[in-house]
């Protein structure tokens, strides 16, 4: 697994995040190589992990930045991303965030409603600027993933629905400080069934025809991200199948002459390089189950509590006979559980536990609930 032995891990106060930068670089190189075959542009979604060493590797490998807040834009700029590589997405951009992005002259705003277009036009006009935008369109494609991370259905809050487009296009004719340069889609996250992306391509092709029939020229198509990773077998598949992913879009997406195709990948780039390391505080033997109580909890990794998601859990200290445990944290919530009936080597107080595939939506979603200290991060070169 990680490029640290047990003796080295024991030198760090738990809980902490351990990041394998070598695996991160392997992943980025694979993604860059496969996207490069088709001249696809990849923007890294900072919401997955915004740590500076991670952002540094993204910039070094030539990725752009996909941001969903003003502070993410600031982090991208501070860490060396060029403004023309920065995209600002999100259903609820504040005036201050929009003004900051306008001042930075970022590449594009992905806009999600007619009302947002009006506000952006007004703010850009006050600065004497023209805001480049892509319309985020809701394609009504089911991502077949957890309902909390599905974003492309008409019941979701995201995007402009197909039946609104005619009105939005008419509205754009009246907005002097808006320049429509593209269309944007994002249907969800942790998608492992690639046929979902084929369905997305079909819908994008249909929208392309719709705009072409109205003589609207689009400079770029942003198909979002959402490629999933293997949480169950992180050792067997540490790097996602970027060849199949990008190859599918090349095969089924009908790109017009001169158009660019953009992607927004987050989880697929960083998930496998991060592991949450925790220590066993207590073993509690119950009537129906045994509990392994860790010093990490939902404050460090909320995904299992929020999404009922699976993370592989390993005992790094023990080689004793196997026992089933509910692996839980110290937080005063019954949902503070990393896994139920997890088969582990017989576990005792002080053992180190690794919770794998935690590089995406782990540390970045941590909280200070119960006035908890923030877990540190360490990096292996």
Protein backbone atom coordinates (compact mmCIF):
# COMPACT_ATOMS: atom_id res chain seq x y z
CA UNK A 1 0.00 0.00 0.00
CA UNK A 2 1.54 3.29 1.09
CA UNK A 3 5.24 3.95 0.81
CA UNK A 4 5.69 4.02 4.60
CA UNK A 5 6.42 1.16 6.97
CA UNK A 6 4.73 0.62 10.31
CA UNK A 7 7.63 2.03 12.31
CA UNK A 8 7.50 5.28 10.33
CA UNK A 9 3.74 5.55 10.66
CA UNK A 10 3.96 5.16 14.43
CA UNK A 11 6.04 8.34 14.63
CA UNK A 12 3.06 10.51 13.66
CA UNK A 13 0.20 11.45 16.02
CA UNK A 14 -3.05 9.94 14.87
CA UNK A 15 -5.35 10.45 13.16
CA UNK A 16 -3.63 11.75 10.04
CA UNK A 17 -3.92 11.61 6.28
CA UNK A 18 -1.06 10.00 4.37
CA UNK A 19 -0.67 10.86 0.70
CA UNK A 20 1.38 8.83 -1.77
CA UNK A 21 2.62 11.50 -4.20
CA UNK A 22 4.29 8.88 -6.39
CA UNK A 23 0.92 7.18 -6.99
CA UNK A 24 -0.64 10.59 -7.58
CA UNK A 25 1.96 11.34 -10.26
CA UNK A 26 1.37 7.95 -11.91
CA UNK A 27 -2.35 8.66 -12.01
CA UNK A 28 -1.94 12.15 -13.45
CA UNK A 29 0.50 10.94 -16.07
CA UNK A 30 -1.92 8.21 -17.16
CA UNK A 31 -4.82 10.68 -17.40
CA UNK A 32 -2.71 13.22 -19.27
CA UNK A 33 -1.49 10.62 -21.75
CA UNK A 34 -4.93 9.25 -22.56
CA UNK A 35 -6.63 12.68 -22.76
CA UNK A 36 -3.77 13.93 -24.91
CA UNK A 37 -4.49 11.34 -27.59
CA UNK A 38 -7.63 13.30 -28.47
CA UNK A 39 -6.52 16.81 -27.49
CA UNK A 40 -9.01 16.79 -24.61
CA UNK A 41 -8.63 19.44 -21.91
CA UNK A 42 -8.79 18.32 -18.27
CA UNK A 43 -9.62 20.64 -15.37
CA UNK A 44 -8.98 19.30 -11.88
CA UNK A 45 -11.99 19.65 -9.55
CA UNK A 46 -10.54 21.31 -6.45
CA UNK A 47 -13.52 20.27 -4.36
CA UNK A 48 -12.06 16.74 -4.24
CA UNK A 49 -8.84 17.78 -2.50
CA UNK A 50 -7.38 21.29 -2.31
CA UNK A 51 -4.11 20.56 -0.47
CA UNK A 52 -1.20 22.58 -1.83
CA UNK A 53 1.07 19.61 -2.71
CA UNK A 54 -1.82 18.08 -4.65
CA UNK A 55 -2.53 21.34 -6.48
CA UNK A 56 1.16 21.69 -7.25
CA UNK A 57 1.20 18.29 -8.96
CA UNK A 58 -1.94 19.16 -10.93
CA UNK A 59 -0.35 22.37 -12.20
CA UNK A 60 2.93 20.65 -13.03
CA UNK A 61 1.06 18.10 -15.15
CA UNK A 62 -0.73 20.83 -17.09
CA UNK A 63 -4.27 20.45 -15.78
CA UNK A 64 -6.63 23.38 -15.43
CA UNK A 65 -8.75 24.15 -12.35
CA UNK A 66 -12.46 23.51 -11.93
CA UNK A 67 -13.68 25.64 -9.01
CA UNK A 68 -17.01 25.88 -7.20
CA UNK A 69 -16.26 28.74 -4.82
CA UNK A 70 -14.36 32.00 -4.73
CA UNK A 71 -11.85 30.54 -2.29
CA UNK A 72 -11.16 27.65 -4.66
CA UNK A 73 -10.44 30.17 -7.40
CA UNK A 74 -8.06 31.98 -5.02
CA UNK A 75 -6.35 28.68 -4.16
CA UNK A 76 -5.91 27.90 -7.85
CA UNK A 77 -4.45 31.33 -8.62
CA UNK A 78 -2.16 31.32 -5.55
CA UNK A 79 -0.88 27.87 -6.53
CA UNK A 80 0.10 28.98 -10.00
CA UNK A 81 -2.84 28.08 -12.23
CA UNK A 82 -3.22 30.60 -15.04
CA UNK A 83 -6.58 32.44 -15.02
CA UNK A 84 -7.27 31.20 -18.55
CA UNK A 85 -7.21 27.65 -17.13
CA UNK A 86 -9.82 28.36 -14.43
CA UNK A 87 -13.51 27.49 -14.73
CA UNK A 88 -16.06 28.66 -12.14
CA UNK A 89 -19.03 26.33 -11.66
CA UNK A 90 -21.70 26.10 -8.97
CA UNK A 91 -25.40 26.71 -8.60
CA UNK A 92 -25.05 29.50 -6.00
CA UNK A 93 -22.22 31.91 -6.82
CA UNK A 94 -22.22 34.97 -4.56
CA UNK A 95 -21.68 38.52 -5.84
CA UNK A 96 -18.30 38.72 -4.12
CA UNK A 97 -17.20 35.45 -5.70
CA UNK A 98 -18.34 36.56 -9.15
CA UNK A 99 -16.59 39.92 -8.80
CA UNK A 100 -13.34 38.22 -7.79
CA UNK A 101 -13.54 35.84 -10.75
CA UNK A 102 -14.24 38.75 -13.10
CA UNK A 103 -11.23 40.63 -11.74
CA UNK A 104 -9.07 37.57 -12.42
CA UNK A 105 -10.42 37.31 -15.99
CA UNK A 106 -10.98 33.57 -15.68
CA UNK A 107 -11.64 31.37 -18.70
CA UNK A 108 -15.32 30.66 -18.16
CA UNK A 109 -18.32 30.82 -15.83
CA UNK A 110 -20.53 27.72 -16.01
CA UNK A 111 -23.96 29.28 -15.52
CA UNK A 112 -26.94 27.36 -14.16
CA UNK A 113 -29.99 29.62 -14.44
CA UNK A 114 -31.45 32.61 -16.22
CA UNK A 115 -31.36 34.59 -12.99
CA UNK A 116 -27.64 33.92 -12.62
CA UNK A 117 -27.08 35.22 -16.15
CA UNK A 118 -28.82 38.48 -15.24
CA UNK A 119 -26.71 38.96 -12.12
CA UNK A 120 -23.46 38.11 -13.92
CA UNK A 121 -24.32 40.50 -16.75
CA UNK A 122 -25.02 43.31 -14.26
CA UNK A 123 -21.79 42.76 -12.30
CA UNK A 124 -19.68 42.44 -15.44
CA UNK A 125 -21.25 45.62 -16.81
CA UNK A 126 -20.27 47.59 -13.71
CA UNK A 127 -16.67 46.60 -14.36
CA UNK A 128 -16.83 47.24 -18.09
CA UNK A 129 -16.08 43.56 -18.75
CA UNK A 130 -17.47 40.77 -20.89
CA UNK A 131 -17.97 37.48 -19.00
CA UNK A 132 -17.34 34.29 -20.97
CA UNK A 133 -19.93 31.68 -20.08
CA UNK A 134 -21.02 28.13 -20.75
CA UNK A 135 -24.61 27.12 -20.10
CA UNK A 136 -24.83 24.19 -17.72
CA UNK A 137 -27.58 22.07 -19.20
CA UNK A 138 -29.42 19.38 -17.30
CA UNK A 139 -29.41 16.42 -19.75
CA UNK A 140 -31.76 14.28 -17.61
CA UNK A 141 -29.32 11.35 -17.70
CA UNK A 142 -29.37 8.94 -14.76
CA UNK A 143 -25.85 8.41 -13.45
CA UNK A 144 -26.84 5.21 -11.58
CA UNK A 145 -24.97 6.34 -8.49
CA UNK A 146 -25.89 7.47 -4.96
CA UNK A 147 -28.81 9.90 -4.97
CA UNK A 148 -26.79 12.53 -3.08
CA UNK A 149 -24.15 12.67 -5.84
CA UNK A 150 -26.50 12.43 -8.82
CA UNK A 151 -26.67 15.85 -10.46
CA UNK A 152 -28.05 15.43 -13.98
CA UNK A 153 -31.75 14.68 -13.43
CA UNK A 154 -34.57 17.20 -13.72
CA UNK A 155 -35.33 16.70 -10.02
CA UNK A 156 -31.84 17.98 -9.09
CA UNK A 157 -31.08 21.63 -8.33
CA UNK A 158 -28.34 21.83 -10.93
CA UNK A 159 -28.39 23.16 -14.46
CA UNK A 160 -30.84 24.58 -16.99
CA UNK A 161 -33.55 22.21 -18.17
CA UNK A 162 -34.01 21.51 -21.88
CA UNK A 163 -37.44 23.14 -21.93
CA UNK A 164 -35.92 26.40 -20.64
CA UNK A 165 -33.26 26.74 -23.33
CA UNK A 166 -35.33 28.67 -25.87
CA UNK A 167 -36.13 31.32 -23.28
CA UNK A 168 -32.51 31.45 -22.08
CA UNK A 169 -31.22 31.87 -25.63
CA UNK A 170 -33.61 34.78 -26.18
CA UNK A 171 -32.50 36.25 -22.87
CA UNK A 172 -28.84 36.09 -23.92
CA UNK A 173 -29.59 38.32 -26.90
CA UNK A 174 -30.37 41.12 -24.43
CA UNK A 175 -27.32 40.68 -22.18
CA UNK A 176 -24.51 42.86 -23.53
CA UNK A 177 -21.86 41.76 -21.06
CA UNK A 178 -22.21 38.00 -21.59
CA UNK A 179 -20.41 35.97 -24.26
CA UNK A 180 -21.69 32.42 -24.74
CA UNK A 181 -18.73 30.22 -25.66
CA UNK A 182 -19.84 26.73 -24.65
CA UNK A 183 -22.19 24.28 -23.00
CA UNK A 184 -21.53 22.31 -19.86
CA UNK A 185 -22.83 19.04 -18.41
CA UNK A 186 -22.19 17.12 -15.19
CA UNK A 187 -24.39 14.15 -14.33
CA UNK A 188 -22.92 12.87 -11.08
CA UNK A 189 -19.97 11.33 -9.28
CA UNK A 190 -18.47 7.87 -8.65
CA UNK A 191 -19.83 6.52 -11.95
CA UNK A 192 -18.41 3.06 -12.70
CA UNK A 193 -20.78 2.04 -15.50
CA UNK A 194 -19.24 3.60 -18.61
CA UNK A 195 -22.47 3.13 -20.57
CA UNK A 196 -23.77 6.11 -18.57
CA UNK A 197 -21.22 8.30 -20.31
CA UNK A 198 -22.30 6.91 -23.68
CA UNK A 199 -25.84 8.03 -22.84
CA UNK A 200 -24.45 11.45 -21.96
CA UNK A 201 -22.70 11.65 -25.35
CA UNK A 202 -26.00 10.94 -27.08
CA UNK A 203 -27.70 13.78 -25.22
CA UNK A 204 -24.80 16.18 -25.83
CA UNK A 205 -24.97 15.42 -29.55
CA UNK A 206 -28.68 16.23 -29.51
CA UNK A 207 -28.05 19.57 -27.78
CA UNK A 208 -25.28 20.34 -30.27
CA UNK A 209 -27.83 19.90 -33.08
CA UNK A 210 -30.29 22.13 -31.23
CA UNK A 211 -27.80 25.00 -30.99
CA UNK A 212 -26.56 24.52 -34.56
CA UNK A 213 -30.13 24.70 -35.88
CA UNK A 214 -30.33 28.14 -34.29
CA UNK A 215 -26.98 29.26 -35.73
CA UNK A 216 -25.30 29.35 -32.33
CA UNK A 217 -21.59 28.56 -32.54
CA UNK A 218 -20.04 26.83 -29.51
CA UNK A 219 -16.30 26.97 -28.96
CA UNK A 220 -16.17 24.23 -26.37
CA UNK A 221 -18.14 21.36 -24.87
CA UNK A 222 -17.59 20.60 -21.18
CA UNK A 223 -18.79 17.09 -20.35
CA UNK A 224 -17.96 17.32 -16.63
CA UNK A 225 -16.40 14.43 -14.75
CA UNK A 226 -17.74 11.71 -12.50
CA UNK A 227 -15.46 8.77 -13.34
CA UNK A 228 -15.47 6.43 -10.36
CA UNK A 229 -12.69 4.51 -8.63
CA UNK A 230 -12.41 1.02 -7.13
CA UNK A 231 -13.01 1.43 -3.39
CA UNK A 232 -13.15 -2.33 -2.88
CA UNK A 233 -9.80 -3.27 -4.47
CA UNK A 234 -7.47 -0.26 -4.21
CA UNK A 235 -4.37 -2.41 -4.64
CA UNK A 236 -5.65 -4.12 -7.78
CA UNK A 237 -6.78 -0.95 -9.54
CA UNK A 238 -4.89 2.03 -8.11
CA UNK A 239 -5.16 3.95 -11.41
CA UNK A 240 -8.58 4.23 -13.12
CA UNK A 241 -9.05 3.06 -16.71
CA UNK A 242 -8.55 6.41 -18.39
CA UNK A 243 -8.00 4.70 -21.74
CA UNK A 244 -11.55 3.34 -21.79
CA UNK A 245 -13.02 6.55 -20.35
CA UNK A 246 -11.53 9.06 -22.78
CA UNK A 247 -11.77 6.58 -25.67
CA UNK A 248 -15.54 6.35 -25.16
CA UNK A 249 -15.97 10.11 -25.54
CA UNK A 250 -13.76 10.11 -28.63
CA UNK A 251 -15.92 7.37 -30.14
CA UNK A 252 -19.40 8.65 -29.33
CA UNK A 253 -19.16 12.44 -28.91
CA UNK A 254 -19.74 14.28 -32.19
CA UNK A 255 -17.31 17.19 -32.01
CA UNK A 256 -17.72 20.05 -34.48
CA UNK A 257 -14.70 21.48 -36.39
CA UNK A 258 -12.62 23.74 -34.14
CA UNK A 259 -14.43 22.75 -30.95
CA UNK A 260 -12.58 21.90 -27.74
CA UNK A 261 -13.74 19.16 -25.37
CA UNK A 262 -13.23 19.80 -21.65
CA UNK A 263 -13.46 17.48 -18.64
CA UNK A 264 -13.65 18.12 -14.88
CA UNK A 265 -12.08 15.19 -13.05
CA UNK A 266 -11.60 15.10 -9.29
CA UNK A 267 -12.06 11.80 -7.49
CA UNK A 268 -10.51 9.74 -10.29
CA UNK A 269 -7.27 11.71 -10.00
CA UNK A 270 -6.75 11.78 -6.22
CA UNK A 271 -8.87 9.20 -4.39
CA UNK A 272 -6.44 6.29 -4.34
CA UNK A 273 -3.38 8.29 -3.29
CA UNK A 274 -4.81 9.16 0.15
CA UNK A 275 -5.25 6.97 3.24
CA UNK A 276 -6.63 7.92 6.65
CA UNK A 277 -4.43 6.45 9.40
CA UNK A 278 -6.03 5.99 12.82
CA UNK A 279 -5.29 4.27 16.12
CA UNK A 280 -7.50 1.88 18.06
CA UNK A 281 -8.56 3.42 21.37
CA UNK A 282 -10.70 0.62 22.76
CA UNK A 283 -12.13 -2.78 21.93
CA UNK A 284 -15.69 -3.23 23.14
CA UNK A 285 -17.11 -6.75 23.07
CA UNK A 286 -20.86 -6.75 22.70
CA UNK A 287 -23.61 -9.35 22.67
CA UNK A 288 -24.11 -9.27 18.90
CA UNK A 289 -20.99 -7.54 17.69
CA UNK A 290 -17.54 -6.34 18.67
CA UNK A 291 -16.58 -2.70 18.34
CA UNK A 292 -13.17 -1.36 17.38
CA UNK A 293 -13.28 2.27 18.53
CA UNK A 294 -10.82 4.51 16.66
CA UNK A 295 -9.46 7.97 17.33
CA UNK A 296 -10.65 9.03 13.84
CA UNK A 297 -14.32 9.64 13.23
CA UNK A 298 -16.83 11.17 10.87
CA UNK A 299 -15.12 14.50 11.55
CA UNK A 300 -12.12 13.21 9.58
CA UNK A 301 -13.97 11.12 6.97
CA UNK A 302 -17.69 11.72 6.63
CA UNK A 303 -18.36 9.70 3.48
CA UNK A 304 -19.47 6.48 5.23
CA UNK A 305 -21.90 8.40 7.45
CA UNK A 306 -23.18 10.71 4.71
CA UNK A 307 -23.30 8.38 1.70
CA UNK A 308 -23.17 4.93 3.35
CA UNK A 309 -20.03 4.51 1.28
CA UNK A 310 -17.51 1.68 1.53
CA UNK A 311 -13.82 2.15 2.30
CA UNK A 312 -11.46 -0.77 2.64
CA UNK A 313 -10.22 -1.00 6.25
CA UNK A 314 -6.93 -2.66 7.20
CA UNK A 315 -5.17 -3.38 10.49
CA UNK A 316 -1.50 -2.55 9.90
CA UNK A 317 -0.29 -3.79 13.29
CA UNK A 318 -1.74 -7.25 13.68
CA UNK A 319 -1.33 -10.64 12.06
CA UNK A 320 -3.44 -12.48 14.61
CA UNK A 321 -6.54 -14.57 13.81
CA UNK A 322 -9.50 -12.83 12.18
CA UNK A 323 -12.48 -11.35 14.06
CA UNK A 324 -15.44 -9.26 12.85
CA UNK A 325 -15.75 -5.72 14.17
CA UNK A 326 -17.94 -2.71 13.72
CA UNK A 327 -15.24 -0.11 13.13
CA UNK A 328 -16.45 3.14 14.68
CA UNK A 329 -15.21 6.57 15.72
CA UNK A 330 -15.42 8.58 18.95
CA UNK A 331 -18.05 11.11 17.83
CA UNK A 332 -21.34 11.31 19.74
CA UNK A 333 -23.41 10.10 16.79
CA UNK A 334 -24.53 6.55 16.01
CA UNK A 335 -23.80 7.28 12.33
CA UNK A 336 -20.11 7.63 13.23
CA UNK A 337 -19.23 4.26 11.75
CA UNK A 338 -16.65 3.38 9.09
CA UNK A 339 -17.82 -0.17 8.50
CA UNK A 340 -19.97 -2.92 10.01
CA UNK A 341 -18.93 -6.57 10.48
CA UNK A 342 -15.49 -5.83 9.05
CA UNK A 343 -13.25 -8.90 9.07
CA UNK A 344 -9.88 -7.84 10.57
CA UNK A 345 -6.97 -9.56 12.26
CA UNK A 346 -7.68 -9.73 15.98
CA UNK A 347 -7.41 -6.10 17.00
CA UNK A 348 -6.23 -4.51 20.22
CA UNK A 349 -5.68 -1.07 21.73
CA UNK A 350 -2.92 0.84 19.97
CA UNK A 351 -3.13 -0.97 16.63
CA UNK A 352 -2.86 1.26 13.56
CA UNK A 353 -5.81 1.15 11.17
CA UNK A 354 -5.70 2.27 7.53
CA UNK A 355 -8.88 3.49 5.83
CA UNK A 356 -8.11 3.38 2.14
CA UNK A 357 -9.10 5.43 -0.92
CA UNK A 358 -9.58 8.56 1.16
CA UNK A 359 -7.74 11.07 -1.04
CA UNK A 360 -10.96 12.50 -2.48
CA UNK A 361 -13.73 14.09 -0.38
CA UNK A 362 -11.97 13.03 2.81
CA UNK A 363 -9.78 15.70 4.36
CA UNK A 364 -11.49 18.45 2.38
CA UNK A 365 -14.87 17.61 3.99
CA UNK A 366 -13.53 17.31 7.53
CA UNK A 367 -15.06 19.36 10.34
CA UNK A 368 -14.42 20.54 13.89
CA UNK A 369 -17.61 18.99 15.25
CA UNK A 370 -17.17 18.12 18.96
CA UNK A 371 -14.37 20.74 18.82
CA UNK A 372 -12.10 18.18 17.25
CA UNK A 373 -8.59 19.10 16.11
CA UNK A 374 -7.97 18.94 12.38
CA UNK A 375 -6.07 15.85 11.30
CA UNK A 376 -2.61 16.54 9.91
CA UNK A 377 -1.43 15.46 6.47
CA UNK A 378 1.86 13.84 5.59
CA UNK A 379 3.24 13.29 2.11
CA UNK A 380 5.44 10.53 0.74
CA UNK A 381 7.54 11.66 -2.23
